N, C-alpha and C. Protein backbone atom coordinates (compact mmCIF):
# COMPACT_ATOMS: atom_id res chain seq x y z
N UNK A 1 -3.79 -8.74 -5.25
CA UNK A 1 -4.63 -9.16 -4.79
C UNK A 1 -5.45 -9.52 -6.12
N UNK A 2 -6.23 -9.93 -6.19
CA UNK A 2 -7.39 -10.19 -7.08
C UNK A 2 -8.75 -10.18 -6.75
N UNK A 3 -9.46 -8.96 -6.61
CA UNK A 3 -10.86 -8.65 -6.08
C UNK A 3 -11.41 -7.44 -6.52
N UNK A 4 -12.84 -8.03 -6.78
CA UNK A 4 -13.25 -6.65 -7.77
C UNK A 4 -13.78 -5.45 -6.55
N UNK A 5 -13.81 -4.49 -6.79
CA UNK A 5 -14.15 -3.30 -6.28
C UNK A 5 -15.54 -2.92 -5.96
N UNK A 6 -16.05 -4.01 -5.43
CA UNK A 6 -17.63 -3.98 -5.09
C UNK A 6 -17.89 -3.92 -3.94
N UNK A 7 -18.94 -3.05 -2.86
CA UNK A 7 -18.75 -3.64 -2.09
C UNK A 7 -19.32 -4.91 -1.45
N UNK A 8 -19.86 -5.78 -2.28
CA UNK A 8 -20.19 -7.24 -1.95
C UNK A 8 -19.00 -7.99 -2.23
N UNK A 9 -17.72 -7.80 -3.47
CA UNK A 9 -16.96 -8.64 -3.15
C UNK A 9 -15.95 -8.13 -2.23
N UNK A 10 -15.78 -7.29 -1.35
CA UNK A 10 -14.60 -6.58 -0.89
C UNK A 10 -15.24 -7.39 0.28
N UNK A 11 -16.21 -7.71 1.03
CA UNK A 11 -17.60 -7.79 2.06
C UNK A 11 -16.81 -9.53 1.84
N UNK A 12 -17.07 -10.19 0.96
CA UNK A 12 -16.82 -11.30 0.95
C UNK A 12 -15.42 -11.61 0.94
N UNK A 13 -14.55 -11.20 0.47
CA UNK A 13 -13.02 -11.21 0.61
C UNK A 13 -12.96 -11.25 2.03
N UNK A 14 -12.98 -10.08 3.12
CA UNK A 14 -12.93 -9.90 4.38
C UNK A 14 -13.34 -11.12 4.75
N UNK A 15 -14.44 -11.24 4.52
CA UNK A 15 -15.28 -12.48 5.75
C UNK A 15 -14.11 -13.71 5.15
N UNK A 16 -13.74 -13.94 3.80
CA UNK A 16 -13.06 -15.05 3.84
C UNK A 16 -11.75 -15.19 4.72
N UNK A 17 -11.12 -13.89 4.84
CA UNK A 17 -9.69 -13.77 5.20
C UNK A 17 -9.92 -13.88 7.00
N UNK A 18 -11.48 -13.85 7.73
CA UNK A 18 -11.75 -13.97 8.96
C UNK A 18 -11.79 -12.48 9.65
N UNK A 19 -12.17 -11.51 8.71
CA UNK A 19 -11.99 -10.08 9.18
C UNK A 19 -13.87 -9.83 9.01
N UNK A 20 -14.42 -9.09 9.91
CA UNK A 20 -15.66 -8.64 10.09
C UNK A 20 -15.60 -7.39 9.14
N UNK A 21 -16.24 -7.77 8.24
CA UNK A 21 -16.65 -6.80 7.06
C UNK A 21 -17.44 -5.60 7.42
N UNK A 22 -16.74 -4.83 8.19
CA UNK A 22 -17.60 -3.53 8.80
C UNK A 22 -17.49 -2.60 7.84
N UNK A 23 -18.56 -1.04 7.63
CA UNK A 23 -18.79 -0.22 6.96
C UNK A 23 -17.43 0.56 6.63
N UNK A 24 -17.12 0.66 7.43
CA UNK A 24 -15.95 1.43 7.18
C UNK A 24 -14.53 0.77 6.82
N UNK A 25 -14.38 -0.81 7.60
CA UNK A 25 -13.24 -1.07 6.77
C UNK A 25 -13.61 -1.96 5.08
N UNK A 26 -14.55 -1.82 5.29
CA UNK A 26 -15.10 -1.91 3.59
C UNK A 26 -14.67 -0.91 2.77
N UNK A 27 -14.55 0.24 3.10
CA UNK A 27 -14.97 1.52 2.79
C UNK A 27 -13.34 1.74 2.58
N UNK A 28 -12.35 1.26 3.61
CA UNK A 28 -10.55 1.91 3.72
C UNK A 28 -10.25 0.84 2.59
N UNK A 29 -10.93 -0.18 2.38
CA UNK A 29 -10.17 -1.36 1.24
C UNK A 29 -10.50 -0.95 -0.24
N UNK A 30 -12.34 -0.53 -0.22
CA UNK A 30 -12.11 0.06 -1.52
C UNK A 30 -11.56 1.05 -1.79
N UNK A 31 -11.37 2.05 -0.98
CA UNK A 31 -10.24 3.34 -1.28
C UNK A 31 -8.85 2.72 -1.66
N UNK A 32 -8.57 1.75 -0.97
CA UNK A 32 -6.94 1.30 -1.76
C UNK A 32 -6.58 0.89 -2.66
N UNK A 33 -7.99 -0.13 -2.89
CA UNK A 33 -7.97 -0.50 -3.95
C UNK A 33 -8.15 0.13 -5.65
N UNK A 34 -8.64 1.39 -4.98
CA UNK A 34 -9.29 2.28 -6.48
C UNK A 34 -8.28 2.91 -6.49
N UNK A 35 -7.38 3.48 -5.61
CA UNK A 35 -5.97 4.53 -5.68
C UNK A 35 -4.98 3.35 -5.46
N UNK A 36 -4.35 3.34 -6.68
CA UNK A 36 -2.67 2.62 -6.05
C UNK A 36 -1.78 3.85 -5.78
N UNK A 37 -1.95 4.86 -5.10
CA UNK A 37 -0.75 6.17 -4.78
C UNK A 37 -0.22 5.17 -3.67
N UNK A 38 -0.60 4.45 -2.93
CA UNK A 38 0.00 4.22 -1.67
C UNK A 38 -0.08 5.35 -0.63
N UNK A 39 -1.25 5.33 -0.04
CA UNK A 39 -1.46 6.44 0.69
C UNK A 39 -1.24 6.10 2.23
N UNK A 40 -1.33 7.31 2.55
CA UNK A 40 -1.09 7.75 4.13
C UNK A 40 -2.80 7.22 4.70
N UNK A 41 -2.41 6.83 6.19
CA UNK A 41 -3.58 7.04 7.21
C UNK A 41 -4.31 8.31 6.80
N UNK A 42 -3.30 9.28 7.05
CA UNK A 42 -3.94 10.49 6.73
C UNK A 42 -4.89 10.88 5.89
N UNK A 43 -4.23 10.47 4.33
CA UNK A 43 -4.87 10.42 3.23
C UNK A 43 -6.28 9.62 2.86
N UNK A 44 -6.32 8.34 3.45
CA UNK A 44 -6.90 7.43 3.45
C UNK A 44 -8.14 8.39 4.48
N UNK A 45 -7.94 8.70 5.72
CA UNK A 45 -9.29 9.83 6.50
C UNK A 45 -9.59 10.98 5.92
N UNK A 46 -8.71 11.61 4.85
CA UNK A 46 -9.12 12.77 4.13
C UNK A 46 -10.00 12.29 2.98
N UNK A 47 -10.00 11.58 2.58
CA UNK A 47 -10.74 10.69 1.30
C UNK A 47 -11.83 9.93 1.70
N UNK A 48 -12.31 10.23 2.98
CA UNK A 48 -13.41 9.01 3.27
C UNK A 48 -14.15 10.26 4.85
N UNK A 49 -13.94 10.94 5.08
CA UNK A 49 -14.55 11.66 6.20
C UNK A 49 -15.75 12.51 5.76
N UNK A 50 -16.07 13.12 4.72
CA UNK A 50 -16.88 12.83 4.00
C UNK A 50 -18.34 11.93 3.81
N UNK A 51 -17.60 10.97 3.51
CA UNK A 51 -18.95 9.95 3.36
C UNK A 51 -18.97 9.34 4.43
N UNK A 52 -18.24 9.10 5.45
CA UNK A 52 -18.16 8.46 7.13
C UNK A 52 -17.65 9.68 7.80
N UNK A 53 -18.61 10.26 8.32
CA UNK A 53 -18.59 11.50 9.20
C UNK A 53 -18.12 10.99 10.59
N UNK A 54 -18.79 9.58 10.96
CA UNK A 54 -17.97 9.11 12.26
C UNK A 54 -16.48 8.71 12.17
N UNK A 55 -15.62 8.64 11.27
CA UNK A 55 -14.61 8.00 10.78
C UNK A 55 -13.59 8.84 11.95
N UNK A 56 -12.95 7.59 12.53
CA UNK A 56 -11.67 8.55 12.97
C UNK A 56 -10.30 8.10 12.52
N UNK A 57 -9.21 8.64 12.94
CA UNK A 57 -7.53 8.30 12.18
C UNK A 57 -7.41 7.11 12.99
N UNK A 58 -8.09 6.85 13.98
CA UNK A 58 -7.66 5.46 14.84
C UNK A 58 -8.28 4.63 14.18
N UNK A 59 -9.30 4.71 14.13
CA UNK A 59 -9.97 3.63 13.06
C UNK A 59 -9.51 3.21 12.03
N UNK A 60 -9.32 4.12 11.10
CA UNK A 60 -8.55 3.82 9.83
C UNK A 60 -7.02 3.13 10.12
N UNK A 61 -5.75 3.96 11.32
CA UNK A 61 -4.74 3.05 11.66
C UNK A 61 -5.17 1.79 11.88
N UNK A 62 -5.73 1.33 12.99
CA UNK A 62 -6.36 0.35 13.41
C UNK A 62 -6.87 -0.89 12.41
N UNK A 63 -7.75 0.03 11.35
CA UNK A 63 -7.95 -1.21 10.04
C UNK A 63 -6.82 -1.50 9.66
N UNK A 64 -6.18 -0.50 8.62
CA UNK A 64 -4.35 -1.14 8.40
C UNK A 64 -4.03 -2.12 8.92
N UNK A 65 -3.57 -1.91 10.67
CA UNK A 65 -2.66 -2.59 10.76
C UNK A 65 -3.48 -3.96 10.88
N UNK A 66 -4.90 -4.33 10.89
CA UNK A 66 -5.59 -5.64 10.41
C UNK A 66 -5.40 -6.07 9.19
N UNK A 67 -5.16 -5.70 8.38
CA UNK A 67 -4.93 -5.71 6.89
C UNK A 67 -3.87 -5.86 6.71
N UNK A 68 -2.53 -5.42 7.63
CA UNK A 68 -1.18 -5.98 7.58
C UNK A 68 -1.05 -7.25 8.18
N UNK A 69 -1.76 -7.76 9.14
CA UNK A 69 -1.43 -8.87 9.71
C UNK A 69 -1.92 -9.34 9.16
N UNK A 70 -3.08 -9.68 7.97
CA UNK A 70 -4.04 -10.33 7.35
C UNK A 70 -2.93 -10.66 5.70
N UNK A 71 -2.17 -10.16 5.70
CA UNK A 71 -1.40 -10.17 4.19
C UNK A 71 -2.49 -9.43 3.13
N UNK A 72 -2.90 -8.47 3.58
CA UNK A 72 -3.67 -8.21 2.37
C UNK A 72 -2.93 -6.92 2.00
N UNK A 73 -2.89 -6.22 2.57
CA UNK A 73 -1.89 -4.97 2.22
C UNK A 73 -0.33 -4.93 2.38
N UNK A 74 0.31 -4.44 2.17
CA UNK A 74 2.03 -4.26 2.60
C UNK A 74 2.09 -2.75 3.06
N UNK A 75 3.02 -2.56 4.23
CA UNK A 75 3.19 -1.19 5.09
C UNK A 75 5.14 -0.84 4.32
N UNK A 76 4.80 0.32 4.29
CA UNK A 76 6.57 0.65 4.44
C UNK A 76 6.46 2.12 4.13
N UNK A 77 7.75 2.28 4.65
CA UNK A 77 8.14 3.86 4.94
C UNK A 77 8.97 4.51 4.21
N UNK A 78 8.72 5.61 3.64
CA UNK A 78 9.42 6.44 2.91
C UNK A 78 10.40 7.37 3.91
N UNK A 79 11.71 6.82 3.86
CA UNK A 79 12.67 7.86 4.51
C UNK A 79 12.72 8.03 5.84
N UNK A 80 11.82 6.78 6.47
CA UNK A 80 11.24 7.11 7.84
C UNK A 80 10.23 8.19 8.54
N UNK A 81 9.68 8.43 7.05
CA UNK A 81 8.53 9.28 7.47
C UNK A 81 7.12 8.33 7.60
N UNK A 82 6.22 8.87 7.16
CA UNK A 82 4.23 7.78 7.87
C UNK A 82 4.38 6.76 7.56
N UNK A 83 4.08 6.09 7.65
CA UNK A 83 4.02 4.42 6.45
C UNK A 83 3.04 4.72 5.83
N UNK A 84 3.18 4.20 4.63
CA UNK A 84 1.80 3.87 3.12
C UNK A 84 1.67 2.75 3.15
N UNK A 85 0.72 2.57 2.89
CA UNK A 85 0.03 1.30 2.32
C UNK A 85 -0.24 0.86 0.82
N UNK A 86 0.15 -0.58 0.32
CA UNK A 86 0.47 -1.02 -0.51
C UNK A 86 -0.71 -1.70 -0.50
N UNK A 87 -1.91 -1.88 -2.00
CA UNK A 87 -2.64 -3.36 -2.01
C UNK A 87 -1.96 -4.25 -2.88
N UNK A 88 -0.95 -4.24 -3.70
CA UNK A 88 0.26 -4.54 -4.35
C UNK A 88 0.63 -5.64 -3.64
N UNK A 89 0.25 -6.97 -3.64
CA UNK A 89 0.89 -7.87 -2.76
C UNK A 89 2.06 -8.41 -3.60
N UNK A 90 2.12 -8.45 -4.67
CA UNK A 90 3.02 -9.31 -5.92
C UNK A 90 4.33 -8.82 -5.97
N UNK A 91 5.18 -9.54 -5.79
CA UNK A 91 7.06 -9.03 -5.37
C UNK A 91 7.26 -7.77 -6.60
N UNK A 92 7.50 -6.88 -6.10
CA UNK A 92 8.13 -5.13 -6.62
C UNK A 92 8.33 -4.55 -6.00
N UNK A 93 9.15 -3.38 -7.11
CA UNK A 93 9.75 -2.25 -5.97
C UNK A 93 8.90 -1.12 -6.58
N UNK A 94 9.35 -0.03 -5.60
CA UNK A 94 9.25 1.42 -5.60
C UNK A 94 9.85 2.52 -6.30
N UNK A 95 9.38 3.45 -7.31
CA UNK A 95 9.79 4.19 -7.67
C UNK A 95 9.81 5.68 -6.92
N UNK A 96 10.52 6.39 -6.32
CA UNK A 96 10.19 7.68 -6.09
C UNK A 96 10.68 8.59 -6.49
N UNK A 97 9.43 9.68 -6.73
CA UNK A 97 10.14 10.92 -7.42
C UNK A 97 10.52 11.64 -6.76
N UNK A 98 11.77 12.38 -6.67
CA UNK A 98 11.98 13.02 -5.72
C UNK A 98 11.63 14.80 -6.19
N UNK A 99 10.85 15.14 -6.96
CA UNK A 99 10.07 16.29 -7.55
C UNK A 99 8.76 15.94 -6.68
N UNK A 100 7.82 15.37 -7.27
CA UNK A 100 6.36 15.42 -7.02
C UNK A 100 6.05 14.28 -5.86
N UNK A 101 6.91 13.69 -5.21
CA UNK A 101 6.86 12.64 -4.15
C UNK A 101 5.64 11.44 -4.66
N UNK A 102 5.71 11.43 -6.28
CA UNK A 102 4.75 10.45 -6.24
C UNK A 102 5.61 8.99 -6.00
N UNK A 103 4.92 7.88 -6.21
CA UNK A 103 5.51 7.05 -5.76
C UNK A 103 4.80 5.98 -6.72
N UNK A 104 5.87 4.83 -7.56
CA UNK A 104 5.49 4.15 -8.65
C UNK A 104 5.55 2.77 -8.28
N UNK A 105 5.22 1.89 -8.66
CA UNK A 105 5.57 0.67 -8.70
C UNK A 105 6.18 0.50 -9.83
N UNK A 106 7.26 -1.32 -10.22
CA UNK A 106 7.38 -1.76 -10.99
C UNK A 106 7.88 -2.75 -10.62
N UNK A 107 7.63 -3.73 -11.77
CA UNK A 107 8.29 -5.43 -11.57
C UNK A 107 9.65 -5.27 -10.98
N UNK A 108 9.67 -6.54 -10.04
CA UNK A 108 10.98 -6.91 -9.75
C UNK A 108 11.19 -8.50 -9.94
N UNK A 109 12.09 -9.07 -10.40
CA UNK A 109 13.00 -10.48 -10.89
C UNK A 109 13.74 -10.82 -9.78
N UNK A 110 13.27 -11.29 -8.69
CA UNK A 110 13.47 -11.71 -7.14
C UNK A 110 14.94 -13.17 -7.80
N UNK A 111 14.89 -14.00 -8.86
CA UNK A 111 15.11 -14.37 -9.04
C UNK A 111 16.74 -14.02 -9.55
N UNK A 112 16.79 -12.56 -9.97
CA UNK A 112 18.15 -12.11 -10.37
C UNK A 112 19.14 -11.80 -9.09
N UNK A 113 18.47 -11.36 -8.46
CA UNK A 113 18.57 -10.60 -6.92
C UNK A 113 20.14 -11.55 -6.54
N UNK A 114 21.09 -10.98 -6.44
CA UNK A 114 22.15 -12.06 -5.95
C UNK A 114 22.65 -11.44 -3.97
N UNK A 115 22.15 -12.52 -3.49
CA UNK A 115 22.62 -12.34 -1.85
C UNK A 115 23.61 -13.20 -1.20
N UNK A 116 24.35 -13.48 -2.06
CA UNK A 116 25.70 -14.21 -1.50
C UNK A 116 26.48 -13.76 -0.32
N UNK A 117 26.22 -12.36 -0.07
CA UNK A 117 27.36 -12.37 0.96
C UNK A 117 26.18 -12.09 2.36
N UNK A 118 24.81 -12.91 2.32
CA UNK A 118 24.17 -13.40 3.26
C UNK A 118 24.08 -14.25 3.40
N UNK A 119 24.83 -15.38 3.33
CA UNK A 119 24.85 -16.63 3.96
C UNK A 119 25.05 -16.81 4.94
N UNK A 120 23.78 -17.67 5.45
CA UNK A 120 23.58 -17.97 6.56
C UNK A 120 22.58 -16.80 7.76
N UNK A 121 22.21 -15.85 6.94
CA UNK A 121 21.47 -15.13 7.27
C UNK A 121 19.74 -15.16 7.31
N UNK A 122 19.01 -14.98 7.89
CA UNK A 122 17.34 -15.12 7.91
C UNK A 122 16.88 -14.19 7.51
N UNK A 123 16.58 -13.74 5.92
CA UNK A 123 16.03 -12.66 5.37
C UNK A 123 13.82 -12.98 5.77
N UNK A 124 13.65 -11.66 6.30
CA UNK A 124 12.21 -11.72 6.71
C UNK A 124 11.64 -11.26 6.04
N UNK A 125 12.17 -9.57 5.02
CA UNK A 125 11.71 -9.24 4.25
C UNK A 125 12.68 -8.11 3.21
N UNK A 126 11.85 -8.47 1.97
CA UNK A 126 12.97 -7.20 1.04
C UNK A 126 12.24 -6.37 0.45
N UNK A 127 12.87 -5.25 0.64
CA UNK A 127 11.88 -4.09 -0.41
C UNK A 127 13.25 -3.30 -1.04
N UNK A 128 13.06 -3.01 -2.47
CA UNK A 128 13.82 -2.25 -3.25
C UNK A 128 12.83 -1.27 -3.92
N UNK A 129 13.78 -0.04 -3.44
CA UNK A 129 12.93 1.36 -3.55
C UNK A 129 14.42 2.07 -4.26
N UNK A 130 13.83 2.79 -5.26
CA UNK A 130 14.54 3.57 -6.05
C UNK A 130 14.32 4.52 -6.47
N UNK A 131 15.12 5.71 -6.05
CA UNK A 131 14.51 7.56 -6.38
C UNK A 131 15.46 7.69 -7.68
N UNK A 132 14.28 9.20 -7.86
CA UNK A 132 14.77 9.88 -9.31
C UNK A 132 13.85 10.73 -9.05
N UNK A 133 13.72 11.40 -10.58
CA UNK A 133 12.70 12.13 -11.20
C UNK A 133 11.63 11.00 -12.31
N UNK A 134 10.78 11.24 -12.22
CA UNK A 134 10.02 10.50 -13.09
C UNK A 134 9.74 11.21 -14.18
N UNK A 135 9.24 10.60 -15.15
CA UNK A 135 9.30 11.21 -16.73
C UNK A 135 8.17 12.48 -16.60
N UNK A 136 6.81 12.50 -15.61
CA UNK A 136 6.20 13.80 -15.94
C UNK A 136 7.06 14.77 -15.40
N UNK A 137 7.91 14.59 -14.66
CA UNK A 137 8.97 15.70 -14.09
C UNK A 137 9.85 16.21 -14.74
N UNK A 138 10.06 15.27 -15.43
CA UNK A 138 11.35 15.59 -16.02
C UNK A 138 10.84 16.06 -17.45
N UNK A 139 9.97 15.78 -17.73
CA UNK A 139 9.41 16.65 -19.26
C UNK A 139 9.20 17.58 -19.04
N UNK A 140 8.37 18.14 -17.54
CA UNK A 140 8.13 19.22 -17.10
C UNK A 140 9.77 20.18 -17.05
N UNK A 141 10.35 19.89 -16.76
CA UNK A 141 11.84 20.15 -16.54
C UNK A 141 12.51 21.27 -17.70
N UNK A 142 12.16 20.45 -18.85
CA UNK A 142 12.68 20.48 -20.05
C UNK A 142 11.83 22.04 -20.82
């Protein structure tokens, strides 16, 4: 998604998608755009509650569902745990550090992926997740 991280731009973007740009929705999308760390509902709620005292986790959850339904963000789960949200809509994979639990995006060339054994299958969604130790954690172990 290529939008500036300003309230005016975010409001305009949401309006173009047919979503009423309420203050909470704008701030939630602003939060997602500012931090590419694949936050959970709780992460977003915790980050915004001081700024928006009337915010509830239900509002965050419902807003994120609206964003997912309108292809603004993607939702994915790590090991069946709570959903994480990703504003990067381009084809990419996720590297999950088993030490610090950080999630990093990396580019994926879908033209090189072989799906020969799935002939006749209807693929709705595909995700590539790689697990290991990130370079920061690996350097601190040495």
